[in-house]
Every structure is written in structure tokens, then in C-alpha cells.
């Protein structure tokens, strides 16, 4: 994460969380599926809220009371996160008041927060563990790589994976200095 990006976010937010207004334990959060950590793609948020975004089981609705204010923030990434959390909390009254143009709405829906659980795409490894962007996995069998001159060997570690958002069976990762697509049934998540 760039120091310049963090400084610009702190200046933009008055050194407070752009969702809750708290000034404690602030971190930069890159709003998926964006990959470039610029102020236009990030928000300044508390570590607690970041953890709740990344892990639904930690959700505490009381921590998100600031959404009724943050949804009106002039900065698009703050609006996107506000929309996603309102959708996750199923607060349709506030969601109905929000307006996002077509591109912004597409960005907001990119993680599937608005979908019911049965319609949402989950990437699972061979043991049924849910995979997320940035996870590390290990190959559980030798894989012939189409279009390449090598075989990805069993036991090879693949770090910082990327999920293929529209296909629950595919992830992208780097093996032997080459980006390849890997079927999730052939990987095991590592801690």
C-alpha cells in the first residue's frame, strides 16, 4: 500500500473512518475487485470493520450505524462499500434511497452482496473451504498446463490467488513465474 495513498485518504477523511467516523485502528481498504491501490479505489476504515467486510461471520450490525451517513459520502469507493454493507444487512429502506450510476452499481454488485446466498458464487477448495482473493493454496495433484511447457507439480504453493468472479470452479494464480487458471477441485487452502 502506498504511503501517498494512505496520506491522501487520511486528508480526505479528516483522519477518521469513512464509514463509522472513528479515529482508532485505521487501515486502508482496497474495494474489490479493483486491484490498484489508489484513493479512487480505496477507503480509510477501522480494522474491525475491514475484518467484518472480509468475514461475514464477524458481522456486528451495531458497528455499521454510520452507513446512513456514509452512503451520502461524495467519494465513490465509500458509496460502494456503504451499498454493499446495506445489501448484506438487508437494509432495503436505505438502499432504495441510494443512487449509483450504471458503472458504480456494477462495481458495487461485483462481489455479489446483493444476491441471496443460494445465487452467490463461492469458490471452494477440494476440502470445501471457502477461498478468497489473496489466499494461498497448494496443488493436490500434478496438473498439465495448457499452452505452457511445464507441469504444475503436486505440493506447489500458489500465493495471492485471484478468484474468477463469474466461475466458482476457477482461480488464477502464479506457478513457475506464469499466471495460470487452476480448477478449485485441485487445490487445498493453506493457513
N, C-alpha and C. Protein backbone atom coordinates (compact mmCIF):
# COMPACT_ATOMS: atom_id res chain seq x y z
N UNK A 1 0.84 -1.17 0.00
CA UNK A 1 0.00 0.00 0.00
C UNK A 1 0.89 1.24 0.00
N UNK A 2 0.60 2.14 -0.85
CA UNK A 2 1.40 3.34 -0.99
C UNK A 2 1.18 4.30 0.18
N UNK A 3 2.27 4.90 0.66
CA UNK A 3 2.18 5.90 1.72
C UNK A 3 1.43 7.13 1.22
N UNK A 4 1.61 7.46 -0.05
CA UNK A 4 0.91 8.60 -0.66
C UNK A 4 -0.60 8.36 -0.64
N UNK A 5 -1.02 7.14 -1.01
CA UNK A 5 -2.45 6.81 -0.99
C UNK A 5 -3.00 6.95 0.42
N UNK A 6 -2.31 6.38 1.40
CA UNK A 6 -2.80 6.47 2.77
C UNK A 6 -2.88 7.92 3.23
N UNK A 7 -1.88 8.74 2.91
CA UNK A 7 -1.90 10.14 3.31
C UNK A 7 -3.07 10.87 2.67
N UNK A 8 -3.31 10.62 1.38
CA UNK A 8 -4.44 11.28 0.70
C UNK A 8 -5.78 10.84 1.31
N UNK A 9 -5.89 9.55 1.68
CA UNK A 9 -7.13 9.08 2.31
C UNK A 9 -7.32 9.71 3.69
N UNK A 10 -6.23 9.83 4.44
CA UNK A 10 -6.32 10.46 5.77
C UNK A 10 -6.72 11.93 5.63
N UNK A 11 -6.15 12.62 4.64
CA UNK A 11 -6.53 14.02 4.39
C UNK A 11 -8.00 14.11 3.98
N UNK A 12 -8.42 13.23 3.06
CA UNK A 12 -9.79 13.23 2.55
C UNK A 12 -10.80 13.00 3.67
N UNK A 13 -10.48 12.12 4.60
CA UNK A 13 -11.44 11.70 5.63
C UNK A 13 -11.31 12.48 6.93
N UNK A 14 -10.33 13.38 7.00
CA UNK A 14 -10.09 14.07 8.27
C UNK A 14 -9.53 13.13 9.32
N UNK A 15 -8.80 12.11 8.85
CA UNK A 15 -8.14 11.12 9.72
C UNK A 15 -9.14 10.32 10.55
N UNK A 16 -10.31 10.02 9.93
CA UNK A 16 -11.32 9.19 10.59
C UNK A 16 -11.82 8.13 9.62
N UNK A 17 -12.42 7.08 10.17
CA UNK A 17 -13.02 6.03 9.36
C UNK A 17 -14.12 6.63 8.50
N UNK A 18 -14.10 6.33 7.22
CA UNK A 18 -15.06 6.92 6.29
C UNK A 18 -16.45 6.28 6.40
N UNK A 19 -16.57 5.24 7.22
CA UNK A 19 -17.88 4.63 7.46
C UNK A 19 -18.40 5.00 8.86
N UNK A 20 -17.59 4.78 9.88
CA UNK A 20 -18.07 4.95 11.26
C UNK A 20 -17.72 6.30 11.88
N UNK A 21 -16.70 6.98 11.35
CA UNK A 21 -16.26 8.23 11.95
C UNK A 21 -15.25 8.04 13.07
N UNK A 22 -14.92 6.80 13.41
CA UNK A 22 -13.95 6.52 14.47
C UNK A 22 -12.54 6.92 14.02
N UNK A 23 -11.68 7.24 14.99
CA UNK A 23 -10.31 7.60 14.64
C UNK A 23 -9.31 6.56 15.17
N UNK A 24 -9.79 5.37 15.54
CA UNK A 24 -8.92 4.34 16.11
C UNK A 24 -8.68 3.19 15.13
N UNK A 25 -7.45 2.67 15.14
CA UNK A 25 -7.08 1.49 14.34
C UNK A 25 -7.48 1.62 12.87
N UNK A 26 -7.07 2.69 12.23
CA UNK A 26 -7.44 2.95 10.84
C UNK A 26 -6.51 2.22 9.88
N UNK A 27 -7.10 1.64 8.84
CA UNK A 27 -6.35 0.94 7.80
C UNK A 27 -6.92 1.32 6.44
N UNK A 28 -6.13 1.11 5.42
CA UNK A 28 -6.59 1.34 4.05
C UNK A 28 -7.24 0.06 3.55
N UNK A 29 -8.42 0.18 2.95
CA UNK A 29 -9.13 -0.97 2.40
C UNK A 29 -9.32 -0.76 0.91
N UNK A 30 -8.78 -1.69 0.10
CA UNK A 30 -8.94 -1.67 -1.35
C UNK A 30 -10.28 -2.30 -1.69
N UNK A 31 -11.15 -1.56 -2.36
CA UNK A 31 -12.51 -2.01 -2.65
C UNK A 31 -12.49 -2.91 -3.89
N UNK A 32 -12.73 -4.21 -3.65
CA UNK A 32 -12.70 -5.22 -4.72
C UNK A 32 -13.76 -4.92 -5.77
N UNK A 33 -13.60 -5.36 -6.97
CA UNK A 33 -12.48 -6.14 -7.50
C UNK A 33 -11.35 -5.27 -8.04
N UNK A 34 -11.30 -3.99 -7.65
CA UNK A 34 -10.20 -3.12 -8.06
C UNK A 34 -8.90 -3.71 -7.55
N UNK A 35 -7.82 -3.48 -8.30
CA UNK A 35 -6.53 -4.06 -7.92
C UNK A 35 -5.46 -2.99 -7.68
N UNK A 36 -5.72 -1.77 -8.12
CA UNK A 36 -4.74 -0.70 -7.96
C UNK A 36 -5.11 0.14 -6.74
N UNK A 37 -4.20 0.20 -5.77
CA UNK A 37 -4.48 0.90 -4.50
C UNK A 37 -4.30 2.40 -4.66
N UNK A 38 -5.28 3.03 -5.28
CA UNK A 38 -5.30 4.48 -5.42
C UNK A 38 -6.42 5.02 -4.55
N UNK A 39 -6.41 6.33 -4.24
CA UNK A 39 -7.51 6.89 -3.44
C UNK A 39 -8.88 6.71 -4.12
N UNK A 40 -8.89 6.58 -5.43
CA UNK A 40 -10.14 6.39 -6.16
C UNK A 40 -10.69 4.98 -6.01
N UNK A 41 -9.88 4.04 -5.47
CA UNK A 41 -10.27 2.64 -5.32
C UNK A 41 -10.28 2.18 -3.86
N UNK A 42 -9.92 3.07 -2.93
CA UNK A 42 -9.74 2.68 -1.53
C UNK A 42 -10.54 3.57 -0.60
N UNK A 43 -10.72 3.07 0.62
CA UNK A 43 -11.29 3.89 1.69
C UNK A 43 -10.44 3.71 2.94
N UNK A 44 -10.56 4.65 3.85
CA UNK A 44 -9.93 4.55 5.16
C UNK A 44 -11.00 4.03 6.12
N UNK A 45 -10.69 2.93 6.81
CA UNK A 45 -11.70 2.24 7.61
C UNK A 45 -11.03 1.65 8.85
N UNK A 46 -11.83 1.38 9.88
CA UNK A 46 -11.25 0.75 11.07
C UNK A 46 -10.92 -0.71 10.77
N UNK A 47 -9.95 -1.24 11.47
CA UNK A 47 -9.56 -2.63 11.29
C UNK A 47 -10.75 -3.56 11.57
N UNK A 48 -11.56 -3.22 12.58
CA UNK A 48 -12.72 -4.03 12.93
C UNK A 48 -13.70 -4.14 11.77
N UNK A 49 -14.02 -3.00 11.14
CA UNK A 49 -14.96 -3.02 10.02
C UNK A 49 -14.37 -3.76 8.82
N UNK A 50 -13.07 -3.58 8.59
CA UNK A 50 -12.41 -4.29 7.49
C UNK A 50 -12.53 -5.80 7.68
N UNK A 51 -12.30 -6.26 8.91
CA UNK A 51 -12.41 -7.69 9.20
C UNK A 51 -13.84 -8.19 8.98
N UNK A 52 -14.83 -7.35 9.31
CA UNK A 52 -16.22 -7.75 9.11
C UNK A 52 -16.59 -7.79 7.62
N UNK A 53 -16.01 -6.90 6.82
CA UNK A 53 -16.24 -6.94 5.38
C UNK A 53 -15.71 -8.25 4.82
N UNK A 54 -14.52 -8.63 5.27
CA UNK A 54 -13.84 -9.81 4.74
C UNK A 54 -14.36 -11.12 5.31
N UNK A 55 -15.04 -11.09 6.45
CA UNK A 55 -15.54 -12.31 7.08
C UNK A 55 -16.94 -12.06 7.63
N UNK A 56 -17.95 -12.53 6.93
CA UNK A 56 -19.35 -12.29 7.31
C UNK A 56 -19.68 -12.81 8.70
N UNK A 57 -18.99 -13.84 9.14
CA UNK A 57 -19.29 -14.42 10.45
C UNK A 57 -18.98 -13.45 11.59
N UNK A 58 -18.15 -12.44 11.33
CA UNK A 58 -17.78 -11.46 12.35
C UNK A 58 -18.73 -10.26 12.38
N UNK A 59 -19.71 -10.25 11.45
CA UNK A 59 -20.59 -9.08 11.31
C UNK A 59 -21.30 -8.73 12.61
N UNK A 60 -21.23 -7.45 12.96
CA UNK A 60 -21.97 -6.90 14.09
C UNK A 60 -22.72 -5.68 13.56
N UNK A 61 -24.03 -5.80 13.34
CA UNK A 61 -24.79 -4.69 12.74
C UNK A 61 -24.63 -3.36 13.48
N UNK A 62 -24.42 -3.39 14.81
CA UNK A 62 -24.25 -2.15 15.57
C UNK A 62 -23.02 -1.36 15.14
N UNK A 63 -22.00 -2.06 14.64
CA UNK A 63 -20.78 -1.38 14.19
C UNK A 63 -21.00 -0.60 12.89
N UNK A 64 -22.14 -0.83 12.22
CA UNK A 64 -22.39 -0.23 10.91
C UNK A 64 -23.45 0.87 10.96
N UNK A 65 -23.68 1.44 12.13
CA UNK A 65 -24.68 2.50 12.25
C UNK A 65 -24.33 3.73 11.40
N UNK A 66 -23.06 3.91 11.09
CA UNK A 66 -22.63 5.06 10.29
C UNK A 66 -23.01 4.99 8.82
N UNK A 67 -23.58 3.87 8.38
CA UNK A 67 -23.93 3.72 6.97
C UNK A 67 -24.95 4.75 6.50
N UNK A 68 -25.84 5.16 7.39
CA UNK A 68 -26.86 6.14 6.99
C UNK A 68 -26.23 7.48 6.63
N UNK A 69 -25.03 7.75 7.13
CA UNK A 69 -24.29 8.96 6.73
C UNK A 69 -23.32 8.67 5.59
N UNK A 70 -22.59 7.56 5.69
CA UNK A 70 -21.54 7.28 4.69
C UNK A 70 -22.11 7.02 3.30
N UNK A 71 -23.37 6.59 3.22
CA UNK A 71 -23.97 6.34 1.91
C UNK A 71 -24.07 7.62 1.08
N UNK A 72 -24.02 8.78 1.74
CA UNK A 72 -24.10 10.07 1.05
C UNK A 72 -22.72 10.67 0.81
N UNK A 73 -21.66 9.98 1.20
CA UNK A 73 -20.30 10.48 1.01
C UNK A 73 -20.05 10.79 -0.46
N UNK A 74 -19.30 11.84 -0.74
CA UNK A 74 -19.05 12.24 -2.13
C UNK A 74 -18.04 11.34 -2.84
N UNK A 75 -17.32 10.50 -2.08
CA UNK A 75 -16.29 9.64 -2.67
C UNK A 75 -16.88 8.28 -3.03
N UNK A 76 -16.74 7.91 -4.30
CA UNK A 76 -17.38 6.71 -4.83
C UNK A 76 -17.02 5.43 -4.08
N UNK A 77 -15.73 5.17 -3.72
CA UNK A 77 -15.46 3.91 -3.02
C UNK A 77 -16.19 3.81 -1.67
N UNK A 78 -16.41 4.94 -1.01
CA UNK A 78 -17.16 4.93 0.25
C UNK A 78 -18.62 4.57 -0.04
N UNK A 79 -19.17 5.12 -1.12
CA UNK A 79 -20.54 4.79 -1.52
C UNK A 79 -20.67 3.29 -1.84
N UNK A 80 -19.65 2.76 -2.54
CA UNK A 80 -19.68 1.34 -2.93
C UNK A 80 -19.72 0.45 -1.70
N UNK A 81 -18.82 0.70 -0.74
CA UNK A 81 -18.79 -0.12 0.48
C UNK A 81 -20.09 0.06 1.27
N UNK A 82 -20.60 1.28 1.33
CA UNK A 82 -21.87 1.52 2.03
C UNK A 82 -22.99 0.71 1.38
N UNK A 83 -23.07 0.74 0.07
CA UNK A 83 -24.10 -0.02 -0.65
C UNK A 83 -23.98 -1.51 -0.35
N UNK A 84 -22.74 -2.03 -0.40
CA UNK A 84 -22.54 -3.47 -0.16
C UNK A 84 -22.95 -3.87 1.25
N UNK A 85 -22.60 -3.05 2.23
CA UNK A 85 -22.93 -3.41 3.61
C UNK A 85 -24.43 -3.25 3.87
N UNK A 86 -25.06 -2.25 3.27
CA UNK A 86 -26.52 -2.13 3.39
C UNK A 86 -27.20 -3.35 2.77
N UNK A 87 -26.66 -3.81 1.64
CA UNK A 87 -27.21 -5.00 0.99
C UNK A 87 -27.00 -6.23 1.87
N UNK A 88 -25.82 -6.35 2.47
CA UNK A 88 -25.55 -7.51 3.33
C UNK A 88 -26.46 -7.50 4.56
N UNK A 89 -26.71 -6.30 5.10
CA UNK A 89 -27.56 -6.16 6.27
C UNK A 89 -29.05 -6.14 5.90
N UNK A 90 -29.31 -6.23 4.60
CA UNK A 90 -30.68 -6.23 4.07
C UNK A 90 -31.48 -5.01 4.52
N UNK A 91 -30.82 -3.84 4.52
CA UNK A 91 -31.48 -2.58 4.87
C UNK A 91 -32.02 -1.95 3.58
N UNK A 92 -33.16 -2.45 3.13
CA UNK A 92 -33.72 -2.02 1.84
C UNK A 92 -34.22 -0.59 1.86
N UNK A 93 -34.60 -0.09 3.04
CA UNK A 93 -35.05 1.30 3.11
C UNK A 93 -33.94 2.26 2.70
N UNK A 94 -32.74 2.07 3.26
CA UNK A 94 -31.62 2.95 2.90
C UNK A 94 -31.13 2.64 1.49
N UNK A 95 -31.10 1.37 1.11
CA UNK A 95 -30.66 1.02 -0.25
C UNK A 95 -31.54 1.68 -1.30
N UNK A 96 -32.83 1.74 -1.05
CA UNK A 96 -33.75 2.35 -2.01
C UNK A 96 -33.51 3.84 -2.17
N UNK A 97 -32.93 4.48 -1.15
CA UNK A 97 -32.63 5.92 -1.24
C UNK A 97 -31.35 6.21 -2.00
N UNK A 98 -30.46 5.23 -2.09
CA UNK A 98 -29.15 5.45 -2.74
C UNK A 98 -29.30 5.48 -4.25
N UNK A 99 -28.48 6.30 -4.88
CA UNK A 99 -28.41 6.30 -6.34
C UNK A 99 -26.96 6.10 -6.75
N UNK A 100 -26.73 5.07 -7.55
CA UNK A 100 -25.42 4.84 -8.16
C UNK A 100 -25.64 4.75 -9.66
N UNK A 101 -24.77 5.40 -10.44
CA UNK A 101 -24.91 5.26 -11.89
C UNK A 101 -24.58 3.82 -12.29
N UNK A 102 -24.77 3.50 -13.55
CA UNK A 102 -24.65 2.11 -14.01
C UNK A 102 -23.28 1.50 -13.72
N UNK A 103 -22.20 2.24 -13.98
CA UNK A 103 -20.85 1.72 -13.74
C UNK A 103 -20.60 1.50 -12.25
N UNK A 104 -21.04 2.45 -11.44
CA UNK A 104 -20.86 2.34 -9.99
C UNK A 104 -21.66 1.16 -9.43
N UNK A 105 -22.88 0.98 -9.93
CA UNK A 105 -23.70 -0.13 -9.47
C UNK A 105 -23.07 -1.48 -9.86
N UNK A 106 -22.48 -1.53 -11.04
CA UNK A 106 -21.79 -2.76 -11.46
C UNK A 106 -20.63 -3.06 -10.53
N UNK A 107 -19.87 -2.01 -10.15
CA UNK A 107 -18.76 -2.17 -9.20
C UNK A 107 -19.31 -2.64 -7.85
N UNK A 108 -20.39 -2.04 -7.39
CA UNK A 108 -20.97 -2.41 -6.10
C UNK A 108 -21.42 -3.86 -6.08
N UNK A 109 -21.99 -4.32 -7.19
CA UNK A 109 -22.53 -5.68 -7.26
C UNK A 109 -21.46 -6.73 -7.57
N UNK A 110 -20.23 -6.31 -7.84
CA UNK A 110 -19.17 -7.23 -8.29
C UNK A 110 -18.88 -8.35 -7.28
N UNK A 111 -19.12 -8.11 -6.00
CA UNK A 111 -18.85 -9.15 -5.00
C UNK A 111 -20.10 -9.94 -4.64
N UNK A 112 -21.24 -9.60 -5.24
CA UNK A 112 -22.45 -10.37 -5.03
C UNK A 112 -23.16 -10.11 -3.71
N UNK A 113 -22.88 -9.00 -3.05
CA UNK A 113 -23.53 -8.71 -1.77
C UNK A 113 -25.04 -8.61 -1.89
N UNK A 114 -25.54 -8.25 -3.06
CA UNK A 114 -26.98 -8.07 -3.22
C UNK A 114 -27.71 -9.38 -3.49
N UNK A 115 -26.98 -10.45 -3.73
CA UNK A 115 -27.60 -11.73 -4.08
C UNK A 115 -27.92 -12.53 -2.83
N UNK A 116 -28.96 -13.32 -2.92
CA UNK A 116 -29.24 -14.26 -1.85
C UNK A 116 -28.13 -15.30 -1.84
N UNK A 117 -27.94 -15.93 -0.71
CA UNK A 117 -26.84 -16.89 -0.57
C UNK A 117 -26.88 -17.99 -1.63
N UNK A 118 -28.10 -18.45 -2.01
CA UNK A 118 -28.15 -19.54 -2.98
C UNK A 118 -27.73 -19.09 -4.37
N UNK A 119 -27.82 -17.80 -4.68
CA UNK A 119 -27.43 -17.32 -6.00
C UNK A 119 -26.00 -16.83 -6.06
N UNK A 120 -25.33 -16.79 -4.94
CA UNK A 120 -23.99 -16.23 -4.85
C UNK A 120 -22.94 -17.28 -5.21
N UNK A 121 -21.89 -16.84 -5.87
CA UNK A 121 -20.81 -17.73 -6.26
C UNK A 121 -19.79 -17.82 -5.13
N UNK A 122 -19.52 -19.05 -4.68
CA UNK A 122 -18.49 -19.29 -3.68
C UNK A 122 -17.42 -20.19 -4.30
N UNK A 123 -16.18 -19.81 -4.13
CA UNK A 123 -15.06 -20.63 -4.59
C UNK A 123 -14.63 -21.49 -3.41
N UNK A 124 -14.64 -22.81 -3.60
CA UNK A 124 -14.27 -23.72 -2.52
C UNK A 124 -13.14 -24.63 -2.98
N UNK A 125 -12.21 -24.91 -2.05
CA UNK A 125 -11.10 -25.81 -2.37
C UNK A 125 -11.59 -27.26 -2.31
N UNK A 126 -10.66 -28.20 -2.47
CA UNK A 126 -11.02 -29.62 -2.51
C UNK A 126 -11.63 -30.12 -1.21
N UNK A 127 -11.40 -29.40 -0.10
CA UNK A 127 -11.97 -29.79 1.19
C UNK A 127 -13.23 -29.01 1.54
N UNK A 128 -13.68 -28.14 0.65
CA UNK A 128 -14.89 -27.36 0.90
C UNK A 128 -14.65 -26.05 1.62
N UNK A 129 -13.38 -25.68 1.83
CA UNK A 129 -13.07 -24.40 2.47
C UNK A 129 -13.30 -23.28 1.46
N UNK A 130 -13.91 -22.17 1.91
CA UNK A 130 -14.17 -21.04 1.02
C UNK A 130 -12.87 -20.29 0.76
N UNK A 131 -12.61 -20.02 -0.51
CA UNK A 131 -11.42 -19.29 -0.94
C UNK A 131 -11.77 -17.83 -1.15
N UNK A 132 -10.77 -16.96 -0.89
CA UNK A 132 -10.93 -15.53 -1.12
C UNK A 132 -9.71 -15.02 -1.86
N UNK A 133 -9.88 -13.86 -2.52
CA UNK A 133 -8.74 -13.21 -3.17
C UNK A 133 -7.62 -13.05 -2.15
N UNK A 134 -6.39 -13.34 -2.58
CA UNK A 134 -5.23 -13.17 -1.71
C UNK A 134 -4.86 -14.40 -0.91
N UNK A 135 -5.71 -15.42 -0.89
CA UNK A 135 -5.39 -16.65 -0.15
C UNK A 135 -4.21 -17.37 -0.80
N UNK A 136 -3.62 -18.27 -0.03
CA UNK A 136 -2.58 -19.16 -0.55
C UNK A 136 -3.14 -20.57 -0.59
N UNK A 137 -2.78 -21.29 -1.65
CA UNK A 137 -3.24 -22.67 -1.81
C UNK A 137 -2.06 -23.55 -2.21
N UNK A 138 -2.27 -24.86 -2.09
CA UNK A 138 -1.28 -25.86 -2.52
C UNK A 138 -1.98 -26.78 -3.51
N UNK A 139 -1.28 -27.14 -4.58
CA UNK A 139 -1.84 -28.07 -5.55
C UNK A 139 -1.86 -29.47 -4.95
N UNK A 140 -2.94 -30.21 -5.17
CA UNK A 140 -3.05 -31.55 -4.59
C UNK A 140 -2.77 -32.64 -5.60
N UNK A 141 -2.49 -32.25 -6.86
CA UNK A 141 -2.08 -33.23 -7.86
C UNK A 141 -1.30 -32.52 -8.95
N UNK A 142 -0.51 -33.27 -9.71
CA UNK A 142 0.21 -32.71 -10.85
C UNK A 142 -0.80 -32.26 -11.90
N UNK A 143 -0.59 -31.06 -12.45
CA UNK A 143 -1.51 -30.52 -13.45
C UNK A 143 -0.76 -30.17 -14.73
N UNK A 144 -1.23 -30.69 -15.85
CA UNK A 144 -0.68 -30.28 -17.14
C UNK A 144 -1.22 -28.88 -17.43
N UNK A 145 -0.32 -27.96 -17.76
CA UNK A 145 -0.73 -26.58 -18.02
C UNK A 145 -0.86 -26.40 -19.52
N UNK A 146 -2.09 -26.14 -19.97
CA UNK A 146 -2.33 -25.96 -21.40
C UNK A 146 -1.62 -24.70 -21.88
N UNK A 147 -0.97 -24.82 -23.03
CA UNK A 147 -0.28 -23.68 -23.63
C UNK A 147 1.06 -23.37 -22.99
N UNK A 148 1.52 -24.21 -22.09
CA UNK A 148 2.82 -23.99 -21.44
C UNK A 148 3.66 -25.25 -21.57
N UNK A 149 4.93 -25.11 -21.27
CA UNK A 149 5.85 -26.23 -21.44
C UNK A 149 6.21 -26.89 -20.11
N UNK A 150 5.35 -26.76 -19.11
CA UNK A 150 5.67 -27.37 -17.82
C UNK A 150 4.41 -27.99 -17.21
N UNK A 151 4.65 -28.81 -16.20
CA UNK A 151 3.57 -29.40 -15.42
C UNK A 151 3.63 -28.77 -14.04
N UNK A 152 2.50 -28.27 -13.55
CA UNK A 152 2.43 -27.73 -12.20
C UNK A 152 2.42 -28.93 -11.25
N UNK A 153 3.43 -29.02 -10.42
CA UNK A 153 3.63 -30.20 -9.57
C UNK A 153 2.78 -30.17 -8.31
N UNK A 154 2.36 -31.36 -7.89
CA UNK A 154 1.65 -31.53 -6.63
C UNK A 154 2.50 -30.95 -5.51
N UNK A 155 1.86 -30.22 -4.60
CA UNK A 155 2.57 -29.61 -3.48
C UNK A 155 3.07 -28.21 -3.76
N UNK A 156 2.97 -27.76 -5.02
CA UNK A 156 3.41 -26.41 -5.36
C UNK A 156 2.50 -25.40 -4.66
N UNK A 157 3.11 -24.41 -4.03
CA UNK A 157 2.35 -23.36 -3.35
C UNK A 157 2.01 -22.26 -4.35
N UNK A 158 0.78 -21.79 -4.28
CA UNK A 158 0.33 -20.69 -5.12
C UNK A 158 -0.17 -19.60 -4.16
N UNK A 159 0.53 -18.47 -4.15
CA UNK A 159 0.21 -17.40 -3.22
C UNK A 159 -0.58 -16.30 -3.92
N UNK A 160 -1.34 -15.57 -3.11
CA UNK A 160 -2.07 -14.39 -3.58
C UNK A 160 -2.96 -14.70 -4.79
N UNK A 161 -3.81 -15.71 -4.63
CA UNK A 161 -4.69 -16.11 -5.74
C UNK A 161 -5.72 -15.03 -6.03
N UNK A 162 -6.26 -15.07 -7.23
CA UNK A 162 -7.37 -14.19 -7.63
C UNK A 162 -8.53 -15.09 -8.00
N UNK A 163 -9.72 -14.75 -7.53
CA UNK A 163 -10.91 -15.52 -7.87
C UNK A 163 -11.41 -15.09 -9.24
N UNK A 164 -11.89 -16.04 -10.02
CA UNK A 164 -12.57 -15.73 -11.28
C UNK A 164 -14.03 -15.52 -10.87
N UNK A 165 -14.46 -14.25 -10.87
CA UNK A 165 -15.72 -13.86 -10.24
C UNK A 165 -16.95 -14.53 -10.82
N UNK A 166 -16.93 -14.90 -12.08
CA UNK A 166 -18.14 -15.48 -12.67
C UNK A 166 -18.08 -17.00 -12.80
N UNK A 167 -17.04 -17.64 -12.23
CA UNK A 167 -16.93 -19.10 -12.30
C UNK A 167 -16.37 -19.62 -10.98
N UNK A 168 -17.22 -20.29 -10.21
CA UNK A 168 -16.83 -20.79 -8.88
C UNK A 168 -15.79 -21.89 -8.94
N UNK A 169 -15.53 -22.44 -10.12
CA UNK A 169 -14.57 -23.55 -10.23
C UNK A 169 -13.18 -23.10 -10.63
N UNK A 170 -12.96 -21.80 -10.85
CA UNK A 170 -11.68 -21.33 -11.33
C UNK A 170 -11.07 -20.26 -10.43
N UNK A 171 -9.75 -20.38 -10.25
CA UNK A 171 -8.96 -19.31 -9.63
C UNK A 171 -7.78 -19.04 -10.55
N UNK A 172 -7.16 -17.89 -10.34
CA UNK A 172 -5.97 -17.54 -11.11
C UNK A 172 -4.81 -17.44 -10.13
N UNK A 173 -3.67 -17.97 -10.52
CA UNK A 173 -2.50 -17.91 -9.66
C UNK A 173 -1.23 -17.99 -10.46
N UNK A 174 -0.11 -17.78 -9.77
CA UNK A 174 1.20 -17.76 -10.42
C UNK A 174 1.98 -19.02 -10.05
N UNK A 175 2.32 -19.81 -11.09
CA UNK A 175 3.11 -21.03 -10.90
C UNK A 175 4.28 -20.94 -11.87
N UNK A 176 5.48 -21.16 -11.35
CA UNK A 176 6.71 -21.08 -12.15
C UNK A 176 6.74 -19.79 -12.98
N UNK A 177 6.47 -18.68 -12.31
CA UNK A 177 6.51 -17.34 -12.91
C UNK A 177 5.55 -17.15 -14.07
N UNK A 178 4.45 -17.91 -14.09
CA UNK A 178 3.45 -17.76 -15.13
C UNK A 178 2.07 -17.72 -14.48
N UNK A 179 1.24 -16.77 -14.92
CA UNK A 179 -0.15 -16.75 -14.45
C UNK A 179 -0.92 -17.84 -15.15
N UNK A 180 -1.61 -18.67 -14.36
CA UNK A 180 -2.41 -19.75 -14.95
C UNK A 180 -3.76 -19.81 -14.24
N UNK A 181 -4.73 -20.42 -14.91
CA UNK A 181 -6.02 -20.70 -14.30
C UNK A 181 -5.97 -22.11 -13.74
N UNK A 182 -6.54 -22.28 -12.54
CA UNK A 182 -6.50 -23.57 -11.86
C UNK A 182 -7.91 -23.92 -11.40
N UNK A 183 -8.31 -25.16 -11.61
CA UNK A 183 -9.60 -25.62 -11.10
C UNK A 183 -9.52 -25.75 -9.59
N UNK A 184 -10.53 -25.23 -8.89
CA UNK A 184 -10.51 -25.23 -7.43
C UNK A 184 -10.50 -26.64 -6.84
N UNK A 185 -10.98 -27.63 -7.57
CA UNK A 185 -11.00 -29.01 -7.06
C UNK A 185 -9.60 -29.58 -6.91
N UNK A 186 -8.58 -28.92 -7.48
CA UNK A 186 -7.21 -29.41 -7.41
C UNK A 186 -6.34 -28.62 -6.45
N UNK A 187 -6.95 -27.80 -5.57
CA UNK A 187 -6.17 -27.02 -4.62
C UNK A 187 -6.68 -27.23 -3.21
N UNK A 188 -5.79 -26.97 -2.25
CA UNK A 188 -6.13 -27.03 -0.83
C UNK A 188 -5.66 -25.71 -0.20
N UNK A 189 -6.55 -25.03 0.49
CA UNK A 189 -6.23 -23.77 1.13
C UNK A 189 -5.23 -23.98 2.25
N UNK A 190 -4.27 -23.07 2.36
CA UNK A 190 -3.30 -23.11 3.46
C UNK A 190 -3.58 -21.95 4.40
N UNK A 191 -3.16 -22.06 5.62
CA UNK A 191 -3.43 -21.01 6.61
C UNK A 191 -2.52 -19.85 6.44
